[in-house]
Amino acid sequence: LRALARDRHQARWQVAAVQPQLPLFADVQALPESAVELPVPTVGEDLVADYQTLGTTLGPHPLTLLRSRLRALGCRSSGELQSVGHGDNIAVAGLVVGRQRPQTSSGVTFVTLEDEHGMVNVVVWRDLAERQRRALVGSQLLKVSGRLEQKDGVRHLIARRLEDVSPLLQGLDVRSRDFH
């Protein structure tokens, strides 16, 4: 809708101006208002507004904006996993898209993480899930350290440590789909 308004802030301002005169002020002549120039929203502000209204964004993925901070925590992106060897120890971080613990899994929890390049499948064994339950079930943004297993183009990260790094999202509300 950029043809109607330059940006989100300007659109809200224009919509707020389309309000009928209240009866209390019916006899008062409205004074002309000068044009208001609002600051253009940042990429982060647009992203948060998109998630608040739609639950997703057509703009950059949230982790694109956090990648330098995630690198400082030692996290690789899903796009970098092509160059990682079978059995290598790595750390990744991603938005928790889903958690599953099927009845037939003997207590194993499968977690799907999403970043700006794709998905990472994580296997969390029962003992780790019990020790780090808070991070496992409460994270929106999860850092996983573990061993990468690759065979025939299928990749799984076998978790050894889970860390809730959701505070990096600064209030961005992302929801996972959990099946237990």
N, C-alpha and C. Protein backbone atom coordinates (compact mmCIF):
# COMPACT_ATOMS: atom_id res chain seq x y z
N LEU A 1 0.81 -1.21 0.00
CA LEU A 1 0.00 0.00 0.00
C LEU A 1 0.85 1.27 0.00
N ARG A 2 2.10 1.15 -0.41
CA ARG A 2 2.99 2.31 -0.41
C ARG A 2 2.50 3.42 -1.34
N ALA A 3 1.66 3.08 -2.32
CA ALA A 3 1.12 4.11 -3.22
C ALA A 3 0.19 5.05 -2.48
N LEU A 4 -0.44 4.56 -1.41
CA LEU A 4 -1.37 5.38 -0.64
C LEU A 4 -0.67 6.22 0.42
N ALA A 5 0.36 5.66 1.01
CA ALA A 5 1.12 6.37 2.04
C ALA A 5 2.56 5.91 1.95
N ARG A 6 3.46 6.80 2.24
CA ARG A 6 4.89 6.54 2.11
C ARG A 6 5.34 5.36 2.96
N ASP A 7 4.81 5.26 4.17
CA ASP A 7 5.22 4.19 5.08
C ASP A 7 4.14 3.97 6.11
N ARG A 8 4.36 3.02 6.98
CA ARG A 8 3.40 2.62 8.00
C ARG A 8 3.02 3.78 8.93
N HIS A 9 4.00 4.54 9.40
CA HIS A 9 3.72 5.66 10.31
C HIS A 9 2.84 6.71 9.64
N GLN A 10 3.19 7.06 8.41
CA GLN A 10 2.43 8.08 7.68
C GLN A 10 1.01 7.59 7.43
N ALA A 11 0.85 6.31 7.12
CA ALA A 11 -0.49 5.74 6.88
C ALA A 11 -1.36 5.84 8.13
N ARG A 12 -0.78 5.51 9.29
CA ARG A 12 -1.55 5.61 10.55
C ARG A 12 -1.97 7.06 10.81
N TRP A 13 -1.08 7.99 10.54
CA TRP A 13 -1.38 9.40 10.76
C TRP A 13 -2.52 9.85 9.85
N GLN A 14 -2.48 9.44 8.59
CA GLN A 14 -3.52 9.83 7.64
C GLN A 14 -4.87 9.21 8.01
N VAL A 15 -4.86 7.97 8.45
CA VAL A 15 -6.11 7.32 8.85
C VAL A 15 -6.67 7.99 10.09
N ALA A 16 -5.82 8.39 11.02
CA ALA A 16 -6.29 9.04 12.25
C ALA A 16 -6.96 10.38 11.93
N ALA A 17 -6.58 11.00 10.82
CA ALA A 17 -7.16 12.29 10.45
C ALA A 17 -8.56 12.14 9.85
N VAL A 18 -8.92 10.95 9.45
CA VAL A 18 -10.23 10.71 8.84
C VAL A 18 -11.21 10.35 9.96
N GLN A 19 -11.60 11.35 10.68
CA GLN A 19 -12.53 11.16 11.79
C GLN A 19 -13.54 12.31 11.72
N PRO A 20 -14.82 12.00 11.79
CA PRO A 20 -15.82 13.06 11.71
C PRO A 20 -15.71 14.01 12.92
N GLN A 21 -16.15 15.23 12.70
CA GLN A 21 -16.17 16.22 13.77
C GLN A 21 -17.10 15.75 14.88
N LEU A 22 -16.63 15.78 16.11
CA LEU A 22 -17.45 15.37 17.24
C LEU A 22 -18.52 16.43 17.51
N PRO A 23 -19.72 16.00 17.95
CA PRO A 23 -20.84 16.95 18.16
C PRO A 23 -20.48 18.07 19.13
N LEU A 24 -19.66 17.81 20.10
CA LEU A 24 -19.29 18.82 21.08
C LEU A 24 -18.63 20.03 20.40
N PHE A 25 -17.92 19.78 19.30
CA PHE A 25 -17.18 20.84 18.61
C PHE A 25 -17.83 21.24 17.29
N ALA A 26 -19.12 20.93 17.12
CA ALA A 26 -19.80 21.19 15.84
C ALA A 26 -19.79 22.67 15.47
N ASP A 27 -19.85 23.57 16.44
CA ASP A 27 -19.92 25.00 16.15
C ASP A 27 -18.54 25.65 16.04
N VAL A 28 -17.48 24.87 16.24
CA VAL A 28 -16.12 25.42 16.21
C VAL A 28 -15.52 25.18 14.83
N GLN A 29 -14.98 26.26 14.29
CA GLN A 29 -14.32 26.15 12.99
C GLN A 29 -12.94 25.52 13.19
N ALA A 30 -12.69 24.42 12.48
CA ALA A 30 -11.39 23.74 12.60
C ALA A 30 -10.30 24.59 11.96
N LEU A 31 -9.18 24.68 12.64
CA LEU A 31 -8.03 25.39 12.10
C LEU A 31 -7.27 24.49 11.14
N PRO A 32 -6.74 25.06 10.08
CA PRO A 32 -5.96 24.22 9.16
C PRO A 32 -4.69 23.72 9.85
N GLU A 33 -4.38 22.50 9.58
CA GLU A 33 -3.19 21.90 10.18
C GLU A 33 -2.07 21.86 9.16
N SER A 34 -0.87 22.06 9.63
CA SER A 34 0.28 21.93 8.73
C SER A 34 0.63 20.46 8.60
N ALA A 35 1.26 20.13 7.50
CA ALA A 35 1.64 18.74 7.24
C ALA A 35 2.62 18.26 8.31
N VAL A 36 2.47 17.04 8.69
CA VAL A 36 3.34 16.44 9.70
C VAL A 36 4.25 15.44 9.02
N GLU A 37 5.53 15.54 9.28
CA GLU A 37 6.50 14.59 8.75
C GLU A 37 6.92 13.67 9.87
N LEU A 38 6.52 12.44 9.79
CA LEU A 38 6.89 11.45 10.79
C LEU A 38 8.14 10.71 10.33
N PRO A 39 8.93 10.21 11.27
CA PRO A 39 10.10 9.46 10.85
C PRO A 39 9.68 8.14 10.19
N VAL A 40 10.42 7.73 9.19
CA VAL A 40 10.16 6.47 8.52
C VAL A 40 10.50 5.34 9.49
N PRO A 41 9.64 4.33 9.61
CA PRO A 41 9.95 3.23 10.54
C PRO A 41 11.21 2.49 10.11
N THR A 42 11.92 1.99 11.10
CA THR A 42 13.11 1.20 10.82
C THR A 42 12.69 -0.17 10.30
N VAL A 43 13.63 -0.91 9.76
CA VAL A 43 13.35 -2.27 9.30
C VAL A 43 12.85 -3.11 10.48
N GLY A 44 13.46 -2.92 11.64
CA GLY A 44 13.03 -3.64 12.84
C GLY A 44 11.62 -3.30 13.27
N GLU A 45 11.26 -2.01 13.21
CA GLU A 45 9.90 -1.60 13.57
C GLU A 45 8.87 -2.19 12.60
N ASP A 46 9.20 -2.19 11.31
CA ASP A 46 8.31 -2.81 10.33
C ASP A 46 8.15 -4.30 10.59
N LEU A 47 9.26 -4.95 10.91
CA LEU A 47 9.24 -6.39 11.17
C LEU A 47 8.36 -6.71 12.38
N VAL A 48 8.50 -5.97 13.46
CA VAL A 48 7.69 -6.18 14.65
C VAL A 48 6.21 -5.93 14.34
N ALA A 49 5.91 -4.87 13.61
CA ALA A 49 4.52 -4.57 13.25
C ALA A 49 3.93 -5.68 12.37
N ASP A 50 4.73 -6.20 11.44
CA ASP A 50 4.26 -7.31 10.60
C ASP A 50 3.90 -8.52 11.45
N TYR A 51 4.79 -8.88 12.37
CA TYR A 51 4.53 -10.05 13.23
C TYR A 51 3.32 -9.81 14.14
N GLN A 52 3.15 -8.58 14.62
CA GLN A 52 2.01 -8.30 15.49
C GLN A 52 0.68 -8.43 14.74
N THR A 53 0.67 -8.04 13.48
CA THR A 53 -0.58 -8.06 12.73
C THR A 53 -0.79 -9.33 11.91
N LEU A 54 0.31 -9.91 11.39
CA LEU A 54 0.18 -11.04 10.47
C LEU A 54 0.77 -12.35 11.02
N GLY A 55 1.68 -12.25 11.97
CA GLY A 55 2.37 -13.44 12.46
C GLY A 55 3.54 -13.84 11.58
N THR A 56 3.86 -13.03 10.59
CA THR A 56 4.99 -13.26 9.70
C THR A 56 5.34 -11.94 9.03
N THR A 57 6.34 -11.95 8.15
CA THR A 57 6.71 -10.72 7.45
C THR A 57 7.13 -11.05 6.03
N LEU A 58 6.94 -10.11 5.13
CA LEU A 58 7.46 -10.23 3.78
C LEU A 58 8.81 -9.54 3.68
N GLY A 59 9.21 -8.88 4.75
CA GLY A 59 10.52 -8.23 4.81
C GLY A 59 11.60 -9.23 5.18
N PRO A 60 12.72 -8.75 5.64
CA PRO A 60 13.82 -9.65 5.99
C PRO A 60 13.44 -10.55 7.17
N HIS A 61 14.00 -11.74 7.17
CA HIS A 61 13.78 -12.68 8.28
C HIS A 61 14.36 -12.07 9.55
N PRO A 62 13.72 -12.27 10.70
CA PRO A 62 14.23 -11.68 11.94
C PRO A 62 15.70 -12.02 12.23
N LEU A 63 16.13 -13.22 11.87
CA LEU A 63 17.51 -13.59 12.18
C LEU A 63 18.53 -12.90 11.29
N THR A 64 18.08 -12.36 10.16
CA THR A 64 18.97 -11.56 9.34
C THR A 64 19.47 -10.36 10.15
N LEU A 65 18.57 -9.78 10.92
CA LEU A 65 18.93 -8.61 11.74
C LEU A 65 19.77 -9.00 12.96
N LEU A 66 19.70 -10.27 13.35
CA LEU A 66 20.43 -10.73 14.54
C LEU A 66 21.68 -11.53 14.21
N ARG A 67 21.97 -11.75 12.94
CA ARG A 67 23.05 -12.67 12.56
C ARG A 67 24.39 -12.31 13.19
N SER A 68 24.76 -11.04 13.23
CA SER A 68 26.07 -10.68 13.81
C SER A 68 26.12 -11.02 15.29
N ARG A 69 25.02 -10.84 16.00
CA ARG A 69 24.98 -11.20 17.43
C ARG A 69 25.02 -12.71 17.62
N LEU A 70 24.36 -13.43 16.72
CA LEU A 70 24.39 -14.89 16.81
C LEU A 70 25.78 -15.44 16.48
N ARG A 71 26.46 -14.82 15.53
CA ARG A 71 27.85 -15.22 15.23
C ARG A 71 28.75 -15.01 16.45
N ALA A 72 28.50 -13.91 17.15
CA ALA A 72 29.30 -13.64 18.36
C ALA A 72 29.06 -14.71 19.43
N LEU A 73 27.90 -15.38 19.37
CA LEU A 73 27.60 -16.48 20.29
C LEU A 73 28.10 -17.82 19.76
N GLY A 74 28.76 -17.79 18.59
CA GLY A 74 29.32 -19.01 18.01
C GLY A 74 28.35 -19.80 17.16
N CYS A 75 27.25 -19.17 16.73
CA CYS A 75 26.21 -19.88 15.97
C CYS A 75 26.44 -19.76 14.47
N ARG A 76 26.28 -20.87 13.80
CA ARG A 76 26.30 -20.89 12.34
C ARG A 76 24.87 -20.80 11.82
N SER A 77 24.74 -20.40 10.57
CA SER A 77 23.41 -20.38 9.94
C SER A 77 23.15 -21.73 9.29
N SER A 78 21.89 -22.01 8.99
CA SER A 78 21.55 -23.27 8.33
C SER A 78 22.22 -23.36 6.95
N GLY A 79 22.42 -22.23 6.32
CA GLY A 79 23.07 -22.21 5.01
C GLY A 79 24.53 -22.64 5.07
N GLU A 80 25.14 -22.50 6.21
CA GLU A 80 26.55 -22.88 6.36
C GLU A 80 26.73 -24.36 6.66
N LEU A 81 25.66 -25.09 6.90
CA LEU A 81 25.78 -26.49 7.28
C LEU A 81 26.23 -27.39 6.14
N GLN A 82 26.13 -26.91 4.90
CA GLN A 82 26.61 -27.69 3.75
C GLN A 82 28.11 -27.99 3.88
N SER A 83 28.83 -27.04 4.47
CA SER A 83 30.29 -27.19 4.56
C SER A 83 30.74 -27.86 5.87
N VAL A 84 29.80 -28.29 6.68
CA VAL A 84 30.14 -28.93 7.95
C VAL A 84 30.15 -30.44 7.75
N GLY A 85 31.16 -31.09 8.30
CA GLY A 85 31.27 -32.53 8.13
C GLY A 85 30.44 -33.33 9.10
N HIS A 86 30.16 -34.57 8.72
CA HIS A 86 29.42 -35.51 9.57
C HIS A 86 30.20 -35.70 10.87
N GLY A 87 29.49 -35.55 11.99
CA GLY A 87 30.12 -35.75 13.30
C GLY A 87 30.75 -34.51 13.90
N ASP A 88 30.77 -33.40 13.16
CA ASP A 88 31.36 -32.16 13.69
C ASP A 88 30.48 -31.55 14.77
N ASN A 89 31.12 -30.94 15.75
CA ASN A 89 30.39 -30.22 16.80
C ASN A 89 30.17 -28.79 16.35
N ILE A 90 28.93 -28.35 16.43
CA ILE A 90 28.57 -27.00 15.99
C ILE A 90 27.51 -26.43 16.92
N ALA A 91 27.21 -25.15 16.72
CA ALA A 91 26.09 -24.49 17.39
C ALA A 91 25.30 -23.74 16.33
N VAL A 92 23.98 -23.80 16.46
CA VAL A 92 23.08 -23.04 15.60
C VAL A 92 22.04 -22.38 16.49
N ALA A 93 21.38 -21.39 15.95
CA ALA A 93 20.26 -20.77 16.65
C ALA A 93 19.17 -20.51 15.63
N GLY A 94 17.93 -20.66 16.05
CA GLY A 94 16.83 -20.42 15.14
C GLY A 94 15.53 -20.22 15.88
N LEU A 95 14.56 -19.67 15.15
CA LEU A 95 13.22 -19.55 15.68
C LEU A 95 12.65 -20.96 15.80
N VAL A 96 12.02 -21.25 16.92
CA VAL A 96 11.42 -22.58 17.10
C VAL A 96 10.11 -22.62 16.32
N VAL A 97 10.11 -23.43 15.27
CA VAL A 97 8.93 -23.57 14.41
C VAL A 97 8.01 -24.64 14.97
N GLY A 98 8.60 -25.70 15.50
CA GLY A 98 7.78 -26.77 16.04
C GLY A 98 8.58 -27.70 16.95
N ARG A 99 7.83 -28.31 17.87
CA ARG A 99 8.39 -29.32 18.76
C ARG A 99 7.46 -30.52 18.68
N GLN A 100 8.04 -31.71 18.54
CA GLN A 100 7.23 -32.92 18.47
C GLN A 100 7.84 -33.99 19.35
N ARG A 101 6.98 -34.69 20.06
CA ARG A 101 7.42 -35.85 20.83
C ARG A 101 6.37 -36.94 20.60
N PRO A 102 6.51 -37.64 19.48
CA PRO A 102 5.52 -38.68 19.16
C PRO A 102 5.53 -39.81 20.19
N GLN A 103 4.41 -40.49 20.34
CA GLN A 103 4.29 -41.61 21.27
C GLN A 103 5.32 -42.69 20.96
N THR A 104 5.64 -42.87 19.70
CA THR A 104 6.55 -43.94 19.29
C THR A 104 8.02 -43.56 19.38
N SER A 105 8.33 -42.37 19.89
CA SER A 105 9.72 -41.88 19.86
C SER A 105 10.52 -42.23 21.10
N SER A 106 9.96 -42.95 22.04
CA SER A 106 10.67 -43.32 23.28
C SER A 106 11.19 -42.09 24.02
N GLY A 107 10.41 -41.02 24.01
CA GLY A 107 10.78 -39.83 24.75
C GLY A 107 11.66 -38.84 24.01
N VAL A 108 12.00 -39.13 22.77
CA VAL A 108 12.82 -38.22 21.97
C VAL A 108 11.94 -37.06 21.51
N THR A 109 12.48 -35.84 21.60
CA THR A 109 11.77 -34.65 21.11
C THR A 109 12.47 -34.17 19.84
N PHE A 110 11.68 -33.90 18.82
CA PHE A 110 12.20 -33.37 17.56
C PHE A 110 11.82 -31.90 17.49
N VAL A 111 12.82 -31.06 17.25
CA VAL A 111 12.62 -29.61 17.19
C VAL A 111 13.03 -29.13 15.80
N THR A 112 12.22 -28.27 15.23
CA THR A 112 12.57 -27.65 13.95
C THR A 112 12.86 -26.18 14.20
N LEU A 113 14.08 -25.77 13.81
CA LEU A 113 14.50 -24.38 13.94
C LEU A 113 14.53 -23.75 12.55
N GLU A 114 14.19 -22.46 12.51
CA GLU A 114 14.19 -21.72 11.24
C GLU A 114 15.10 -20.52 11.38
N ASP A 115 15.92 -20.30 10.35
CA ASP A 115 16.67 -19.05 10.28
C ASP A 115 16.48 -18.46 8.89
N GLU A 116 17.27 -17.45 8.56
CA GLU A 116 17.07 -16.73 7.30
C GLU A 116 17.40 -17.56 6.07
N HIS A 117 18.03 -18.72 6.24
CA HIS A 117 18.41 -19.55 5.09
C HIS A 117 17.62 -20.84 4.98
N GLY A 118 16.93 -21.24 6.03
CA GLY A 118 16.18 -22.50 5.96
C GLY A 118 15.91 -23.09 7.33
N MET A 119 15.81 -24.41 7.35
CA MET A 119 15.44 -25.15 8.56
C MET A 119 16.58 -26.03 9.04
N VAL A 120 16.58 -26.28 10.33
CA VAL A 120 17.51 -27.23 10.95
C VAL A 120 16.68 -28.17 11.81
N ASN A 121 16.87 -29.46 11.59
CA ASN A 121 16.18 -30.47 12.39
C ASN A 121 17.07 -30.85 13.57
N VAL A 122 16.48 -30.82 14.76
CA VAL A 122 17.23 -31.09 15.99
C VAL A 122 16.60 -32.29 16.69
N VAL A 123 17.47 -33.18 17.16
CA VAL A 123 17.04 -34.34 17.94
C VAL A 123 17.47 -34.10 19.38
N VAL A 124 16.51 -34.15 20.30
CA VAL A 124 16.79 -33.94 21.72
C VAL A 124 16.44 -35.24 22.45
N TRP A 125 17.46 -35.92 22.98
CA TRP A 125 17.22 -37.16 23.71
C TRP A 125 16.53 -36.85 25.03
N ARG A 126 15.83 -37.85 25.54
CA ARG A 126 14.99 -37.70 26.74
C ARG A 126 15.75 -37.12 27.93
N ASP A 127 16.96 -37.60 28.22
CA ASP A 127 17.69 -37.12 29.40
C ASP A 127 18.02 -35.64 29.29
N LEU A 128 18.41 -35.18 28.09
CA LEU A 128 18.69 -33.75 27.90
C LEU A 128 17.39 -32.95 27.99
N ALA A 129 16.31 -33.47 27.44
CA ALA A 129 15.01 -32.79 27.50
C ALA A 129 14.58 -32.59 28.95
N GLU A 130 14.83 -33.57 29.79
CA GLU A 130 14.46 -33.45 31.20
C GLU A 130 15.36 -32.45 31.93
N ARG A 131 16.66 -32.48 31.64
CA ARG A 131 17.60 -31.56 32.31
C ARG A 131 17.41 -30.12 31.87
N GLN A 132 17.07 -29.90 30.61
CA GLN A 132 16.98 -28.54 30.08
C GLN A 132 15.57 -28.25 29.55
N ARG A 133 14.59 -28.72 30.30
CA ARG A 133 13.19 -28.59 29.92
C ARG A 133 12.77 -27.14 29.69
N ARG A 134 13.19 -26.26 30.57
CA ARG A 134 12.78 -24.85 30.45
C ARG A 134 13.19 -24.27 29.11
N ALA A 135 14.44 -24.48 28.71
CA ALA A 135 14.89 -23.97 27.41
C ALA A 135 14.17 -24.67 26.27
N LEU A 136 13.96 -25.97 26.41
CA LEU A 136 13.32 -26.75 25.34
C LEU A 136 11.89 -26.29 25.08
N VAL A 137 11.10 -26.14 26.12
CA VAL A 137 9.68 -25.83 25.90
C VAL A 137 9.36 -24.34 25.94
N GLY A 138 10.25 -23.52 26.48
CA GLY A 138 9.93 -22.11 26.65
C GLY A 138 10.56 -21.16 25.65
N SER A 139 11.44 -21.65 24.81
CA SER A 139 12.19 -20.76 23.90
C SER A 139 11.41 -20.42 22.64
N GLN A 140 11.54 -19.19 22.24
CA GLN A 140 11.10 -18.78 20.91
C GLN A 140 12.30 -18.77 19.98
N LEU A 141 13.46 -18.39 20.52
CA LEU A 141 14.73 -18.41 19.80
C LEU A 141 15.65 -19.31 20.61
N LEU A 142 16.05 -20.43 20.00
CA LEU A 142 16.79 -21.46 20.72
C LEU A 142 18.17 -21.64 20.11
N LYS A 143 19.19 -21.64 20.97
CA LYS A 143 20.55 -21.98 20.55
C LYS A 143 20.77 -23.44 20.93
N VAL A 144 21.25 -24.22 19.96
CA VAL A 144 21.51 -25.64 20.18
C VAL A 144 22.96 -25.92 19.83
N SER A 145 23.66 -26.51 20.77
CA SER A 145 25.02 -26.99 20.53
C SER A 145 24.95 -28.50 20.48
N GLY A 146 25.66 -29.09 19.52
CA GLY A 146 25.61 -30.53 19.40
C GLY A 146 26.44 -31.04 18.25
N ARG A 147 26.16 -32.29 17.88
CA ARG A 147 26.89 -32.99 16.83
C ARG A 147 26.02 -33.11 15.58
N LEU A 148 26.56 -32.72 14.45
CA LEU A 148 25.82 -32.78 13.19
C LEU A 148 25.96 -34.17 12.58
N GLU A 149 24.84 -34.76 12.23
CA GLU A 149 24.84 -36.04 11.54
C GLU A 149 24.26 -35.83 10.15
N GLN A 150 24.98 -36.33 9.15
CA GLN A 150 24.54 -36.20 7.76
C GLN A 150 24.67 -37.54 7.06
N LYS A 151 23.63 -37.91 6.35
CA LYS A 151 23.69 -39.12 5.55
C LYS A 151 22.67 -39.00 4.43
N ASP A 152 23.14 -39.21 3.22
CA ASP A 152 22.28 -39.18 2.03
C ASP A 152 21.47 -37.88 1.94
N GLY A 153 22.09 -36.75 2.25
CA GLY A 153 21.44 -35.46 2.14
C GLY A 153 20.52 -35.10 3.29
N VAL A 154 20.39 -35.98 4.27
CA VAL A 154 19.55 -35.70 5.44
C VAL A 154 20.45 -35.27 6.58
N ARG A 155 20.11 -34.14 7.20
CA ARG A 155 20.92 -33.58 8.28
C ARG A 155 20.10 -33.46 9.55
N HIS A 156 20.70 -33.86 10.66
CA HIS A 156 20.10 -33.68 11.98
C HIS A 156 21.20 -33.19 12.91
N LEU A 157 20.82 -32.31 13.80
CA LEU A 157 21.73 -31.88 14.85
C LEU A 157 21.32 -32.62 16.12
N ILE A 158 22.22 -33.43 16.65
CA ILE A 158 21.97 -34.15 17.89
C ILE A 158 22.36 -33.22 19.02
N ALA A 159 21.37 -32.76 19.77
CA ALA A 159 21.59 -31.72 20.77
C ALA A 159 22.38 -32.25 21.97
N ARG A 160 23.31 -31.42 22.43
CA ARG A 160 24.04 -31.68 23.67
C ARG A 160 23.77 -30.60 24.71
N ARG A 161 23.40 -29.41 24.21
CA ARG A 161 23.12 -28.29 25.11
C ARG A 161 22.09 -27.39 24.45
N LEU A 162 21.12 -26.93 25.24
CA LEU A 162 20.08 -26.02 24.77
C LEU A 162 20.18 -24.73 25.55
N GLU A 163 20.00 -23.61 24.85
CA GLU A 163 20.05 -22.31 25.53
C GLU A 163 18.96 -21.41 24.95
N ASP A 164 18.15 -20.87 25.83
CA ASP A 164 17.10 -19.94 25.42
C ASP A 164 17.73 -18.56 25.19
N VAL A 165 17.76 -18.12 23.94
CA VAL A 165 18.30 -16.80 23.61
C VAL A 165 17.18 -15.89 23.10
N SER A 166 15.95 -16.18 23.52
CA SER A 166 14.79 -15.39 23.11
C SER A 166 14.89 -13.90 23.45
N PRO A 167 15.60 -13.51 24.53
CA PRO A 167 15.70 -12.07 24.78
C PRO A 167 16.29 -11.27 23.61
N LEU A 168 17.04 -11.92 22.73
CA LEU A 168 17.57 -11.23 21.55
C LEU A 168 16.45 -10.73 20.64
N LEU A 169 15.28 -11.37 20.72
CA LEU A 169 14.14 -10.96 19.88
C LEU A 169 13.51 -9.66 20.34
N GLN A 170 13.86 -9.20 21.53
CA GLN A 170 13.37 -7.93 22.09
C GLN A 170 11.86 -7.78 21.98
N GLY A 171 11.15 -8.84 22.39
CA GLY A 171 9.69 -8.75 22.43
C GLY A 171 8.98 -9.19 21.17
N LEU A 172 9.71 -9.52 20.11
CA LEU A 172 9.07 -10.02 18.90
C LEU A 172 8.38 -11.34 19.24
N ASP A 173 7.09 -11.43 18.95
CA ASP A 173 6.31 -12.60 19.33
C ASP A 173 6.22 -13.56 18.15
N VAL A 174 6.98 -14.65 18.23
CA VAL A 174 6.92 -15.70 17.22
C VAL A 174 6.38 -16.96 17.88
N ARG A 175 5.49 -17.64 17.20
CA ARG A 175 4.81 -18.80 17.78
C ARG A 175 5.26 -20.09 17.11
N SER A 176 5.43 -21.12 17.91
CA SER A 176 5.75 -22.44 17.36
C SER A 176 4.50 -23.30 17.35
N ARG A 177 4.56 -24.37 16.59
CA ARG A 177 3.48 -25.35 16.56
C ARG A 177 4.02 -26.59 17.25
N ASP A 178 3.48 -26.89 18.39
CA ASP A 178 3.99 -27.99 19.20
C ASP A 178 3.00 -29.14 19.21
N PHE A 179 3.53 -30.35 19.04
CA PHE A 179 2.72 -31.57 19.03
C PHE A 179 3.33 -32.54 20.04
N HIS A 180 2.56 -32.92 21.04
CA HIS A 180 3.07 -33.85 22.05
C HIS A 180 2.16 -35.05 22.13
